[in-house]
Amino acid sequence: MEWKLFADLAEVAGDDRITVSVPADATVGDALEALLDDRPALRERVLADDGTLYDHVNLLRNGADASLADDAAPDDELALFPPVSGG
């Protein structure tokens, strides 16, 4: 399963694409834990103290909004990106 990371999340992780291994019955939350176990510096950027995803971090599965409880398939592309502003 591949994660795509954008903006400063990619900088903190050291790469913008990271592959993780999770069991066949995994959720998006399981895939996020695998990512954070491999790149612990990301944890404080994406998760609140209670373990929930910060509201300002966008989570996508195959290009659509996702939640940590969603099922995840081995060929899914998951993405995390912070809010973007500009003009």
C-alpha atoms as a PDB file:
ATOM      1  CA  MET A   1       0.000   0.000   0.000  1.00  0.00           C
ATOM      2  CA  GLU A   2       1.404   3.381  -0.908  1.00  0.00           C
ATOM      3  CA  TRP A   3       1.158   6.677   0.903  1.00  0.00           C
ATOM      4  CA  LYS A   4       1.572   9.994  -0.882  1.00  0.00           C
ATOM      5  CA  LEU A   5       2.583  12.872   1.346  1.00  0.00           C
ATOM      6  CA  PHE A   6       2.386  16.526   0.417  1.00  0.00           C
ATOM      7  CA  ALA A   7       4.019  19.805   1.472  1.00  0.00           C
ATOM      8  CA  ASP A   8       5.716  19.796   4.863  1.00  0.00           C
ATOM      9  CA  LEU A   9       4.492  16.261   5.624  1.00  0.00           C
ATOM     10  CA  ALA A  10       6.752  14.965   2.839  1.00  0.00           C
ATOM     11  CA  GLU A  11       9.621  17.019   4.239  1.00  0.00           C
ATOM     12  CA  VAL A  12       9.134  15.639   7.754  1.00  0.00           C
ATOM     13  CA  ALA A  13       8.886  12.065   6.416  1.00  0.00           C
ATOM     14  CA  GLY A  14      11.908  12.468   4.171  1.00  0.00           C
ATOM     15  CA  ASP A  15      10.010  11.332   1.072  1.00  0.00           C
ATOM     16  CA  ASP A  16       6.740  12.024  -0.716  1.00  0.00           C
ATOM     17  CA  ARG A  17       5.913   8.362  -1.469  1.00  0.00           C
ATOM     18  CA  ILE A  18       6.169   5.632   1.134  1.00  0.00           C
ATOM     19  CA  THR A  19       5.106   2.018   0.828  1.00  0.00           C
ATOM     20  CA  VAL A  20       3.803   0.218   3.919  1.00  0.00           C
ATOM     21  CA  SER A  21       2.840  -3.385   4.534  1.00  0.00           C
ATOM     22  CA  VAL A  22      -0.405  -4.161   6.323  1.00  0.00           C
ATOM     23  CA  PRO A  23      -2.563  -7.303   6.677  1.00  0.00           C
ATOM     24  CA  ALA A  24      -5.234  -8.028   4.057  1.00  0.00           C
ATOM     25  CA  ASP A  25      -8.044  -7.026   6.457  1.00  0.00           C
ATOM     26  CA  ALA A  26      -6.446  -3.671   7.344  1.00  0.00           C
ATOM     27  CA  THR A  27      -8.168  -0.345   7.753  1.00  0.00           C
ATOM     28  CA  VAL A  28      -6.876   3.043   6.685  1.00  0.00           C
ATOM     29  CA  GLY A  29      -6.051   3.569  10.370  1.00  0.00           C
ATOM     30  CA  ASP A  30      -3.878   0.440  10.342  1.00  0.00           C
ATOM     31  CA  ALA A  31      -2.067   1.750   7.278  1.00  0.00           C
ATOM     32  CA  LEU A  32      -1.552   5.097   9.009  1.00  0.00           C
ATOM     33  CA  GLU A  33      -0.085   3.337  12.059  1.00  0.00           C
ATOM     34  CA  ALA A  34       2.307   1.436   9.770  1.00  0.00           C
ATOM     35  CA  LEU A  35       3.360   4.747   8.210  1.00  0.00           C
ATOM     36  CA  LEU A  36       3.836   6.433  11.585  1.00  0.00           C
ATOM     37  CA  ASP A  37       5.744   3.462  13.000  1.00  0.00           C
ATOM     38  CA  ASP A  38       8.167   3.815  10.079  1.00  0.00           C
ATOM     39  CA  ARG A  39       8.273   7.643  10.190  1.00  0.00           C
ATOM     40  CA  PRO A  40       7.633   8.618  13.842  1.00  0.00           C
ATOM     41  CA  ALA A  41       8.340  12.324  13.270  1.00  0.00           C
ATOM     42  CA  LEU A  42       5.034  12.486  11.373  1.00  0.00           C
ATOM     43  CA  ARG A  43       2.990  11.398  14.383  1.00  0.00           C
ATOM     44  CA  GLU A  44       2.895  14.812  16.083  1.00  0.00           C
ATOM     45  CA  ARG A  45       2.058  16.501  12.754  1.00  0.00           C
ATOM     46  CA  VAL A  46      -0.982  14.363  11.942  1.00  0.00           C
ATOM     47  CA  LEU A  47      -2.378  12.966  15.203  1.00  0.00           C
ATOM     48  CA  ALA A  48      -3.809  14.762  18.216  1.00  0.00           C
ATOM     49  CA  ASP A  49      -2.913  13.580  21.730  1.00  0.00           C
ATOM     50  CA  ASP A  50      -6.038  11.394  21.786  1.00  0.00           C
ATOM     51  CA  GLY A  51      -4.910   9.515  18.656  1.00  0.00           C
ATOM     52  CA  THR A  52      -7.404  11.094  16.282  1.00  0.00           C
ATOM     53  CA  LEU A  53      -6.391  12.700  13.026  1.00  0.00           C
ATOM     54  CA  TYR A  54      -6.128  16.473  13.296  1.00  0.00           C
ATOM     55  CA  ASP A  55      -9.074  18.210  11.603  1.00  0.00           C
ATOM     56  CA  HIS A  56      -6.717  20.263   9.446  1.00  0.00           C
ATOM     57  CA  VAL A  57      -5.020  17.174   7.937  1.00  0.00           C
ATOM     58  CA  ASN A  58      -6.738  15.823   4.839  1.00  0.00           C
ATOM     59  CA  LEU A  59      -6.851  12.060   4.357  1.00  0.00           C
ATOM     60  CA  LEU A  60      -7.664  10.516   0.978  1.00  0.00           C
ATOM     61  CA  ARG A  61      -8.052   6.944  -0.231  1.00  0.00           C
ATOM     62  CA  ASN A  62      -7.838   6.565  -3.997  1.00  0.00           C
ATOM     63  CA  GLY A  63      -8.524  10.271  -4.429  1.00  0.00           C
ATOM     64  CA  ALA A  64     -11.645  10.448  -2.238  1.00  0.00           C
ATOM     65  CA  ASP A  65     -12.089  11.596   1.364  1.00  0.00           C
ATOM     66  CA  ALA A  66     -11.448   8.763   3.791  1.00  0.00           C
ATOM     67  CA  SER A  67     -11.670   8.009   7.488  1.00  0.00           C
ATOM     68  CA  LEU A  68      -9.390   5.910   9.661  1.00  0.00           C
ATOM     69  CA  ALA A  69     -12.155   3.288   9.984  1.00  0.00           C
ATOM     70  CA  ASP A  70     -12.429   2.685   6.216  1.00  0.00           C
ATOM     71  CA  ASP A  71     -11.274  -0.650   4.838  1.00  0.00           C
ATOM     72  CA  ALA A  72      -7.996  -0.533   2.933  1.00  0.00           C
ATOM     73  CA  ALA A  73      -6.954  -2.780   0.047  1.00  0.00           C
ATOM     74  CA  PRO A  74      -3.336  -3.631  -0.815  1.00  0.00           C
ATOM     75  CA  ASP A  75      -3.506  -1.656  -4.080  1.00  0.00           C
ATOM     76  CA  ASP A  76      -4.969   1.496  -2.485  1.00  0.00           C
ATOM     77  CA  GLU A  77      -3.215   4.815  -2.749  1.00  0.00           C
ATOM     78  CA  LEU A  78      -3.523   6.793   0.464  1.00  0.00           C
ATOM     79  CA  ALA A  79      -2.659  10.464   0.782  1.00  0.00           C
ATOM     80  CA  LEU A  80      -2.103  12.955   3.578  1.00  0.00           C
ATOM     81  CA  PHE A  81      -1.833  16.666   3.083  1.00  0.00           C
ATOM     82  CA  PRO A  82      -2.007  19.721   5.300  1.00  0.00           C
ATOM     83  CA  PRO A  83      -4.220  22.699   4.512  1.00  0.00           C
ATOM     84  CA  VAL A  84      -2.894  24.729   1.633  1.00  0.00           C
ATOM     85  CA  SER A  85      -3.318  28.459   1.272  1.00  0.00           C
ATOM     86  CA  GLY A  86      -2.117  30.923  -1.205  1.00  0.00           C
ATOM     87  CA  GLY A  87      -3.203  33.545  -3.604  1.00  0.00           C
END
